Amino acid sequence: MRSFVLMTGVFKAALLFGVAGISSGALAQGAGVLKPWPADPAAGIPGPWKAQYHPDIAAQTQFKLLKQGNQTVLQAEADMAYGSLVYAFAKPTVLNTLTWQWQILTQPTKANLQTKAGDDAGAKVCAFIQIDEGKLGLGTRLALAAARTVSGERLPAATLCYVWGSPGEKVGQVFDNPYTDRVRNIVVRDAASAAELISERRDLQADARKAFGKELPEGPVMFTGIALGADSDNTQSKAKALFGSVQAQP
C-alpha cells in the first residue's frame, strides 16, 4: 500500500508540474539558453516551449503572448484550471544562473502550497534537476519506475519550483510539495501581488543543493528543463500571471 500511494503521489505531482518526456523537447540552439519571446506577440510562443496539461483536469491554463510597453510578455491565466509551459532540454545541462521577470495579477483564493487543497500558485518557475537516483530509497525508486512506465515519459526525479509564499511562510523557506517530496518549493517572494514585473536572479547550483543536497551527484548540478505556470484547480478559483524575459546561463 505504501508503494502504491507513493507511486500515485509521484505520478500526479510530476504531471501537475507540466513535466514532459525530456527526449521530446530538443533544444533548438545552444544548451542552456532559453528561446526568448518574439518581439511580435502575433508570432506565437516559440518552440521548444510547449504547454503541458494533466489528463484528468479538464480546464487548462491558457498561455499567450502580449505586448506590455515595448516588451513581449507571457500571460498565464487559469480559471479553476491547471497547466505549465515547459522547455525541455535535449540532454542534461549544467546551469548556474536562472533569471526571469514575473508579476502575479491574481493569486488563487486560499492558496497554500503546503496542503493538497491549497496546492495552487499565482505564478511558479520550476527547474528539473538530474539527481543520483541510486541515493533514493527503494520505495521511491520503485514508485518512479512505475510512474514512468504508466506515463511513458522519463519523468524527472527532482523538481525545484520558485514560488510566491502564503501567509506565514518566509522568503528562503524550502518545503515539499504536498503530493510528493520529489517536488520542492522555495519561497522567493511574499504573498503580496506585484504592481509591476519583478526581476529575479537565482543561483541554480546553490538552490538545487539546498533543496536536494544529499541526493545530488558530486560535481556541477545538471538540469533537464525549465517550466512556467499558474494554476487554480485545487482551490477552484482563479490565477493570472505575467512572465517577462526568462533566461538560463551555463
C-alpha atoms as a PDB file:
ATOM      1  CA  MET A   1       0.000   0.000   0.000  1.00  0.00           C
ATOM      2  CA  ARG A   2       2.810   2.439   0.853  1.00  0.00           C
ATOM      3  CA  SER A   3       4.444   1.885  -2.556  1.00  0.00           C
ATOM      4  CA  PHE A   4       1.126   2.392  -4.348  1.00  0.00           C
ATOM      5  CA  VAL A   5       0.440   5.652  -2.513  1.00  0.00           C
ATOM      6  CA  LEU A   6       3.964   6.885  -3.249  1.00  0.00           C
ATOM      7  CA  MET A   7       3.650   5.972  -6.914  1.00  0.00           C
ATOM      8  CA  THR A   8       0.367   7.857  -7.185  1.00  0.00           C
ATOM      9  CA  GLY A   9       1.872  10.913  -5.493  1.00  0.00           C
ATOM     10  CA  VAL A  10       4.966  10.954  -7.696  1.00  0.00           C
ATOM     11  CA  PHE A  11       2.942  10.480 -10.885  1.00  0.00           C
ATOM     12  CA  LYS A  12       0.403  13.170 -10.012  1.00  0.00           C
ATOM     13  CA  ALA A  13       2.983  15.694  -8.898  1.00  0.00           C
ATOM     14  CA  ALA A  14       5.120  15.084 -11.983  1.00  0.00           C
ATOM     15  CA  LEU A  15       2.160  15.672 -14.262  1.00  0.00           C
ATOM     16  CA  LEU A  16       0.895  18.611 -12.236  1.00  0.00           C
ATOM     17  CA  PHE A  17       4.190  20.376 -12.743  1.00  0.00           C
ATOM     18  CA  GLY A  18       3.973  20.052 -16.505  1.00  0.00           C
ATOM     19  CA  VAL A  19       6.757  17.511 -16.927  1.00  0.00           C
ATOM     20  CA  ALA A  20       7.211  16.276 -20.474  1.00  0.00           C
ATOM     21  CA  GLY A  21       9.410  13.463 -21.642  1.00  0.00           C
ATOM     22  CA  ILE A  22      12.854  15.032 -21.753  1.00  0.00           C
ATOM     23  CA  SER A  23      13.675  13.457 -25.102  1.00  0.00           C
ATOM     24  CA  SER A  24      10.621  15.025 -26.760  1.00  0.00           C
ATOM     25  CA  GLY A  25      11.759  18.650 -26.469  1.00  0.00           C
ATOM     26  CA  ALA A  26      15.131  19.033 -28.129  1.00  0.00           C
ATOM     27  CA  LEU A  27      16.948  22.327 -27.774  1.00  0.00           C
ATOM     28  CA  ALA A  28      16.906  24.263 -30.993  1.00  0.00           C
ATOM     29  CA  GLN A  29      20.003  26.222 -30.047  1.00  0.00           C
ATOM     30  CA  GLY A  30      22.932  26.254 -27.621  1.00  0.00           C
ATOM     31  CA  ALA A  31      22.446  24.181 -24.482  1.00  0.00           C
ATOM     32  CA  GLY A  32      21.160  26.105 -21.507  1.00  0.00           C
ATOM     33  CA  VAL A  33      19.881  29.119 -23.474  1.00  0.00           C
ATOM     34  CA  LEU A  34      16.106  29.527 -23.481  1.00  0.00           C
ATOM     35  CA  LYS A  35      14.441  30.808 -26.607  1.00  0.00           C
ATOM     36  CA  PRO A  36      13.169  34.345 -25.870  1.00  0.00           C
ATOM     37  CA  TRP A  37       9.665  35.644 -26.527  1.00  0.00           C
ATOM     38  CA  PRO A  38       9.441  37.140 -30.035  1.00  0.00           C
ATOM     39  CA  ALA A  39       9.268  40.905 -30.482  1.00  0.00           C
ATOM     40  CA  ASP A  40       5.883  40.472 -32.172  1.00  0.00           C
ATOM     41  CA  PRO A  41       3.415  38.550 -29.952  1.00  0.00           C
ATOM     42  CA  ALA A  42       1.481  37.541 -33.070  1.00  0.00           C
ATOM     43  CA  ALA A  43       4.357  35.192 -33.901  1.00  0.00           C
ATOM     44  CA  GLY A  44       3.172  32.950 -31.061  1.00  0.00           C
ATOM     45  CA  ILE A  45       5.033  31.089 -28.348  1.00  0.00           C
ATOM     46  CA  PRO A  46       8.265  29.729 -29.859  1.00  0.00           C
ATOM     47  CA  GLY A  47       9.291  26.094 -29.721  1.00  0.00           C
ATOM     48  CA  PRO A  48      10.548  24.179 -27.922  1.00  0.00           C
ATOM     49  CA  TRP A  49       8.352  25.886 -25.315  1.00  0.00           C
ATOM     50  CA  LYS A  50       5.327  23.588 -25.062  1.00  0.00           C
ATOM     51  CA  ALA A  51       2.154  23.696 -22.967  1.00  0.00           C
ATOM     52  CA  GLN A  52       1.616  20.616 -20.797  1.00  0.00           C
ATOM     53  CA  TYR A  53      -1.583  19.627 -19.009  1.00  0.00           C
ATOM     54  CA  HIS A  54      -2.891  16.936 -16.678  1.00  0.00           C
ATOM     55  CA  PRO A  55      -5.152  14.407 -18.467  1.00  0.00           C
ATOM     56  CA  ASP A  56      -7.566  14.285 -15.526  1.00  0.00           C
ATOM     57  CA  ILE A  57      -8.052  18.065 -15.236  1.00  0.00           C
ATOM     58  CA  ALA A  58     -10.441  19.314 -17.908  1.00  0.00           C
ATOM     59  CA  ALA A  59      -9.845  23.061 -17.513  1.00  0.00           C
ATOM     60  CA  GLN A  60      -6.471  24.193 -18.844  1.00  0.00           C
ATOM     61  CA  THR A  61      -4.343  27.219 -18.034  1.00  0.00           C
ATOM     62  CA  GLN A  62      -4.222  29.465 -21.080  1.00  0.00           C
ATOM     63  CA  PHE A  63      -0.867  30.795 -22.273  1.00  0.00           C
ATOM     64  CA  LYS A  64      -0.494  33.678 -24.704  1.00  0.00           C
ATOM     65  CA  LEU A  65       1.955  36.431 -25.574  1.00  0.00           C
ATOM     66  CA  LEU A  66       1.085  40.091 -25.030  1.00  0.00           C
ATOM     67  CA  LYS A  67       2.762  43.434 -25.581  1.00  0.00           C
ATOM     68  CA  GLN A  68       3.416  45.408 -22.413  1.00  0.00           C
ATOM     69  CA  GLY A  69       5.027  48.708 -23.321  1.00  0.00           C
ATOM     70  CA  ASN A  70       7.926  47.819 -25.612  1.00  0.00           C
ATOM     71  CA  GLN A  71       8.277  44.311 -24.129  1.00  0.00           C
ATOM     72  CA  THR A  72       6.677  40.998 -25.040  1.00  0.00           C
ATOM     73  CA  VAL A  73       5.433  39.047 -22.019  1.00  0.00           C
ATOM     74  CA  LEU A  74       3.789  35.679 -21.473  1.00  0.00           C
ATOM     75  CA  GLN A  75       0.402  35.669 -19.781  1.00  0.00           C
ATOM     76  CA  ALA A  76      -0.700  32.568 -17.880  1.00  0.00           C
ATOM     77  CA  GLU A  77      -4.365  32.588 -16.884  1.00  0.00           C
ATOM     78  CA  ALA A  78      -6.197  29.825 -15.020  1.00  0.00           C
ATOM     79  CA  ASP A  79      -9.904  29.618 -14.218  1.00  0.00           C
ATOM     80  CA  MET A  80     -10.228  26.561 -11.946  1.00  0.00           C
ATOM     81  CA  ALA A  81      -7.534  25.181 -14.243  1.00  0.00           C
ATOM     82  CA  TYR A  82      -4.048  23.720 -14.410  1.00  0.00           C
ATOM     83  CA  GLY A  83      -1.187  23.958 -16.907  1.00  0.00           C
ATOM     84  CA  SER A  84       2.524  24.612 -17.335  1.00  0.00           C
ATOM     85  CA  LEU A  85       4.693  25.821 -20.198  1.00  0.00           C
ATOM     86  CA  VAL A  86       7.755  23.577 -20.456  1.00  0.00           C
ATOM     87  CA  TYR A  87      11.146  23.986 -22.110  1.00  0.00           C
ATOM     88  CA  ALA A  88      12.723  20.515 -22.124  1.00  0.00           C
ATOM     89  CA  PHE A  89      16.426  20.162 -22.853  1.00  0.00           C
ATOM     90  CA  ALA A  90      17.742  17.588 -25.311  1.00  0.00           C
ATOM     91  CA  LYS A  91      20.208  16.366 -22.688  1.00  0.00           C
ATOM     92  CA  PRO A  92      21.149  17.183 -19.077  1.00  0.00           C
ATOM     93  CA  THR A  93      22.846  20.572 -18.962  1.00  0.00           C
ATOM     94  CA  VAL A  94      24.954  22.375 -16.361  1.00  0.00           C
ATOM     95  CA  LEU A  95      23.291  25.691 -15.493  1.00  0.00           C
ATOM     96  CA  ASN A  96      24.500  28.237 -12.965  1.00  0.00           C
ATOM     97  CA  THR A  97      22.050  31.117 -13.085  1.00  0.00           C
ATOM     98  CA  LEU A  98      18.344  31.489 -13.792  1.00  0.00           C
ATOM     99  CA  THR A  99      16.934  34.968 -14.345  1.00  0.00           C
ATOM    100  CA  TRP A 100      13.345  35.948 -15.038  1.00  0.00           C
ATOM    101  CA  GLN A 101      10.681  38.595 -14.612  1.00  0.00           C
ATOM    102  CA  TRP A 102       7.238  37.866 -13.194  1.00  0.00           C
ATOM    103  CA  GLN A 103       4.133  39.504 -11.822  1.00  0.00           C
ATOM    104  CA  ILE A 104       1.099  37.997 -10.118  1.00  0.00           C
ATOM    105  CA  LEU A 105      -2.094  39.710 -11.201  1.00  0.00           C
ATOM    106  CA  THR A 106      -4.466  37.290  -9.456  1.00  0.00           C
ATOM    107  CA  GLN A 107      -3.459  34.995  -6.592  1.00  0.00           C
ATOM    108  CA  PRO A 108      -5.689  31.897  -6.159  1.00  0.00           C
ATOM    109  CA  THR A 109      -8.133  32.201  -3.272  1.00  0.00           C
ATOM    110  CA  LYS A 110      -6.950  30.290  -0.182  1.00  0.00           C
ATOM    111  CA  ALA A 111      -3.800  29.095  -1.938  1.00  0.00           C
ATOM    112  CA  ASN A 112      -1.476  27.163   0.381  1.00  0.00           C
ATOM    113  CA  LEU A 113       1.259  25.177  -1.331  1.00  0.00           C
ATOM    114  CA  GLN A 114       1.803  23.053   1.768  1.00  0.00           C
ATOM    115  CA  THR A 115      -1.667  21.455   1.565  1.00  0.00           C
ATOM    116  CA  LYS A 116      -3.324  19.426  -1.201  1.00  0.00           C
ATOM    117  CA  ALA A 117      -6.488  21.526  -1.011  1.00  0.00           C
ATOM    118  CA  GLY A 118      -4.497  24.740  -1.452  1.00  0.00           C
ATOM    119  CA  ASP A 119      -1.844  23.481  -3.869  1.00  0.00           C
ATOM    120  CA  ASP A 120      -2.260  26.292  -6.419  1.00  0.00           C
ATOM    121  CA  ALA A 121       0.106  29.059  -7.474  1.00  0.00           C
ATOM    122  CA  GLY A 122      -0.477  32.504  -8.932  1.00  0.00           C
ATOM    123  CA  ALA A 123       2.914  32.036 -10.601  1.00  0.00           C
ATOM    124  CA  LYS A 124       5.723  29.483 -10.436  1.00  0.00           C
ATOM    125  CA  VAL A 125       9.047  28.911 -12.158  1.00  0.00           C
ATOM    126  CA  CYS A 126      10.428  25.366 -11.950  1.00  0.00           C
ATOM    127  CA  ALA A 127      13.718  23.667 -12.791  1.00  0.00           C
ATOM    128  CA  PHE A 128      14.061  19.928 -13.408  1.00  0.00           C
ATOM    129  CA  ILE A 129      17.164  18.531 -11.723  1.00  0.00           C
ATOM    130  CA  GLN A 130      19.186  15.436 -12.505  1.00  0.00           C
ATOM    131  CA  ILE A 131      19.979  13.612  -9.282  1.00  0.00           C
ATOM    132  CA  ASP A 132      21.761  10.410  -8.308  1.00  0.00           C
ATOM    133  CA  GLU A 133      18.739   8.117  -8.160  1.00  0.00           C
ATOM    134  CA  GLY A 134      20.854   5.420  -6.531  1.00  0.00           C
ATOM    135  CA  LYS A 135      20.726   7.550  -3.374  1.00  0.00           C
ATOM    136  CA  LEU A 136      16.937   7.283  -3.196  1.00  0.00           C
ATOM    137  CA  GLY A 137      15.180   4.697  -1.078  1.00  0.00           C
ATOM    138  CA  LEU A 138      13.938   1.516  -2.727  1.00  0.00           C
ATOM    139  CA  GLY A 139      10.288   2.537  -2.367  1.00  0.00           C
ATOM    140  CA  THR A 140      10.896   5.858  -4.101  1.00  0.00           C
ATOM    141  CA  ARG A 141      12.842   4.220  -6.935  1.00  0.00           C
ATOM    142  CA  LEU A 142      10.074   1.681  -7.480  1.00  0.00           C
ATOM    143  CA  ALA A 143       7.443   4.440  -7.447  1.00  0.00           C
ATOM    144  CA  LEU A 144       9.379   6.464 -10.022  1.00  0.00           C
ATOM    145  CA  ALA A 145       9.820   3.422 -12.240  1.00  0.00           C
ATOM    146  CA  ALA A 146       6.097   2.676 -12.064  1.00  0.00           C
ATOM    147  CA  ALA A 147       5.130   6.282 -12.776  1.00  0.00           C
ATOM    148  CA  ARG A 148       7.472   6.384 -15.774  1.00  0.00           C
ATOM    149  CA  THR A 149       6.013   3.150 -17.104  1.00  0.00           C
ATOM    150  CA  VAL A 150       2.437   4.380 -16.723  1.00  0.00           C
ATOM    151  CA  SER A 151       3.160   7.783 -18.279  1.00  0.00           C
ATOM    152  CA  GLY A 152       5.518   6.561 -20.984  1.00  0.00           C
ATOM    153  CA  GLU A 153       7.741   9.526 -20.141  1.00  0.00           C
ATOM    154  CA  ARG A 154      11.132   9.943 -18.477  1.00  0.00           C
ATOM    155  CA  LEU A 155       9.684  11.859 -15.517  1.00  0.00           C
ATOM    156  CA  PRO A 156      12.359  13.731 -13.538  1.00  0.00           C
ATOM    157  CA  ALA A 157      13.150  12.540 -10.044  1.00  0.00           C
ATOM    158  CA  ALA A 158      13.632  16.061  -8.682  1.00  0.00           C
ATOM    159  CA  THR A 159      11.888  19.356  -9.439  1.00  0.00           C
ATOM    160  CA  LEU A 160      12.593  22.682  -7.738  1.00  0.00           C
ATOM    161  CA  CYS A 161       9.923  25.382  -8.007  1.00  0.00           C
ATOM    162  CA  TYR A 162      10.291  29.058  -7.174  1.00  0.00           C
ATOM    163  CA  VAL A 163       7.036  30.418  -5.757  1.00  0.00           C
ATOM    164  CA  TRP A 164       5.343  33.312  -4.010  1.00  0.00           C
ATOM    165  CA  GLY A 165       4.688  32.368  -0.405  1.00  0.00           C
ATOM    166  CA  SER A 166       1.449  32.018   1.509  1.00  0.00           C
ATOM    167  CA  PRO A 167       0.848  33.944   4.757  1.00  0.00           C
ATOM    168  CA  GLY A 168       3.236  32.698   7.437  1.00  0.00           C
ATOM    169  CA  GLU A 169       5.895  31.455   5.034  1.00  0.00           C
ATOM    170  CA  LYS A 170       9.268  33.154   4.945  1.00  0.00           C
ATOM    171  CA  VAL A 171      11.403  34.105   1.959  1.00  0.00           C
ATOM    172  CA  GLY A 172      14.040  31.402   1.513  1.00  0.00           C
ATOM    173  CA  GLN A 173      11.883  28.677   3.072  1.00  0.00           C
ATOM    174  CA  VAL A 174      12.032  25.292   1.302  1.00  0.00           C
ATOM    175  CA  PHE A 175       9.266  22.717   1.671  1.00  0.00           C
ATOM    176  CA  ASP A 176       7.930  19.626  -0.081  1.00  0.00           C
ATOM    177  CA  ASN A 177       5.006  19.601  -2.467  1.00  0.00           C
ATOM    178  CA  PRO A 178       2.059  18.075  -0.552  1.00  0.00           C
ATOM    179  CA  TYR A 179       1.818  15.217  -3.047  1.00  0.00           C
ATOM    180  CA  THR A 180       5.465  14.147  -3.051  1.00  0.00           C
ATOM    181  CA  ASP A 181       8.933  15.126  -1.865  1.00  0.00           C
ATOM    182  CA  ARG A 182      10.118  14.735  -5.463  1.00  0.00           C
ATOM    183  CA  VAL A 183       8.938  18.348  -5.939  1.00  0.00           C
ATOM    184  CA  ARG A 184      10.222  21.018  -3.556  1.00  0.00           C
ATOM    185  CA  ASN A 185       9.225  24.681  -3.389  1.00  0.00           C
ATOM    186  CA  ILE A 186      11.404  27.607  -2.432  1.00  0.00           C
ATOM    187  CA  VAL A 187       9.742  30.887  -1.441  1.00  0.00           C
ATOM    188  CA  VAL A 188      11.291  33.889  -3.205  1.00  0.00           C
ATOM    189  CA  ARG A 189       8.558  36.490  -2.634  1.00  0.00           C
ATOM    190  CA  ASP A 190       5.884  37.143  -0.027  1.00  0.00           C
ATOM    191  CA  ALA A 191       2.171  36.687  -0.669  1.00  0.00           C
ATOM    192  CA  ALA A 192       1.502  40.245  -1.863  1.00  0.00           C
ATOM    193  CA  SER A 193       0.720  40.872  -5.523  1.00  0.00           C
ATOM    194  CA  ALA A 194       3.143  42.967  -7.520  1.00  0.00           C
ATOM    195  CA  ALA A 195       2.322  46.276  -9.180  1.00  0.00           C
ATOM    196  CA  GLU A 196       4.810  45.586 -11.975  1.00  0.00           C
ATOM    197  CA  LEU A 197       7.142  42.947 -13.328  1.00  0.00           C
ATOM    198  CA  ILE A 198       9.766  41.977 -10.742  1.00  0.00           C
ATOM    199  CA  SER A 199      13.195  40.728 -11.801  1.00  0.00           C
ATOM    200  CA  GLU A 200      14.715  37.658 -10.142  1.00  0.00           C
ATOM    201  CA  ARG A 201      18.190  36.154 -10.289  1.00  0.00           C
ATOM    202  CA  ARG A 202      18.860  32.783  -8.685  1.00  0.00           C
ATOM    203  CA  ASP A 203      21.948  30.663  -8.196  1.00  0.00           C
ATOM    204  CA  LEU A 204      20.621  27.357  -9.519  1.00  0.00           C
ATOM    205  CA  GLN A 205      23.572  25.379  -8.213  1.00  0.00           C
ATOM    206  CA  ALA A 206      23.130  26.660  -4.658  1.00  0.00           C
ATOM    207  CA  ASP A 207      19.336  26.338  -4.684  1.00  0.00           C
ATOM    208  CA  ALA A 208      19.455  22.785  -6.030  1.00  0.00           C
ATOM    209  CA  ARG A 209      21.883  21.782  -3.305  1.00  0.00           C
ATOM    210  CA  LYS A 210      19.752  23.471  -0.657  1.00  0.00           C
ATOM    211  CA  ALA A 211      16.669  21.555  -1.791  1.00  0.00           C
ATOM    212  CA  PHE A 212      18.102  18.156  -2.789  1.00  0.00           C
ATOM    213  CA  GLY A 213      21.660  18.220  -1.387  1.00  0.00           C
ATOM    214  CA  LYS A 214      22.225  14.628  -0.324  1.00  0.00           C
ATOM    215  CA  GLU A 215      20.641  13.232  -3.483  1.00  0.00           C
ATOM    216  CA  LEU A 216      22.898  15.100  -5.915  1.00  0.00           C
ATOM    217  CA  PRO A 217      25.957  13.520  -7.526  1.00  0.00           C
ATOM    218  CA  GLU A 218      29.357  15.108  -6.991  1.00  0.00           C
ATOM    219  CA  GLY A 219      30.352  17.874  -9.359  1.00  0.00           C
ATOM    220  CA  PRO A 220      28.161  20.523 -11.017  1.00  0.00           C
ATOM    221  CA  VAL A 221      24.400  20.037 -10.819  1.00  0.00           C
ATOM    222  CA  MET A 222      22.758  19.271 -14.175  1.00  0.00           C
ATOM    223  CA  PHE A 223      19.269  20.287 -15.287  1.00  0.00           C
ATOM    224  CA  THR A 224      16.846  18.780 -17.796  1.00  0.00           C
ATOM    225  CA  GLY A 225      14.291  21.548 -18.285  1.00  0.00           C
ATOM    226  CA  ILE A 226      12.504  24.702 -17.127  1.00  0.00           C
ATOM    227  CA  ALA A 227       8.763  25.278 -16.642  1.00  0.00           C
ATOM    228  CA  LEU A 228       6.499  28.282 -16.045  1.00  0.00           C
ATOM    229  CA  GLY A 229       2.965  28.081 -14.768  1.00  0.00           C
ATOM    230  CA  ALA A 230      -0.082  29.233 -12.862  1.00  0.00           C
ATOM    231  CA  ASP A 231      -2.904  27.029 -11.593  1.00  0.00           C
ATOM    232  CA  SER A 232      -6.113  27.266  -9.582  1.00  0.00           C
ATOM    233  CA  ASP A 233      -7.751  23.835  -9.919  1.00  0.00           C
ATOM    234  CA  ASN A 234      -7.436  22.707  -6.296  1.00  0.00           C
ATOM    235  CA  THR A 235      -8.856  25.911  -4.827  1.00  0.00           C
ATOM    236  CA  GLN A 236     -11.474  26.203  -7.590  1.00  0.00           C
ATOM    237  CA  SER A 237     -10.574  29.860  -8.022  1.00  0.00           C
ATOM    238  CA  LYS A 238      -8.604  31.972 -10.482  1.00  0.00           C
ATOM    239  CA  ALA A 239      -4.946  32.742 -11.127  1.00  0.00           C
ATOM    240  CA  LYS A 240      -3.250  35.122 -13.516  1.00  0.00           C
ATOM    241  CA  ALA A 241       0.401  35.990 -14.005  1.00  0.00           C
ATOM    242  CA  LEU A 242       2.815  37.642 -16.427  1.00  0.00           C
ATOM    243  CA  PHE A 243       6.326  36.399 -17.242  1.00  0.00           C
ATOM    244  CA  GLY A 244       8.845  38.673 -18.918  1.00  0.00           C
ATOM    245  CA  SER A 245      12.294  37.633 -20.061  1.00  0.00           C
ATOM    246  CA  VAL A 246      13.378  34.156 -18.869  1.00  0.00           C
ATOM    247  CA  GLN A 247      16.993  33.062 -19.314  1.00  0.00           C
ATOM    248  CA  ALA A 248      19.278  30.325 -18.002  1.00  0.00           C
ATOM    249  CA  GLN A 249      23.049  30.677 -18.143  1.00  0.00           C
ATOM    250  CA  PRO A 250      25.651  27.881 -18.003  1.00  0.00           C
END
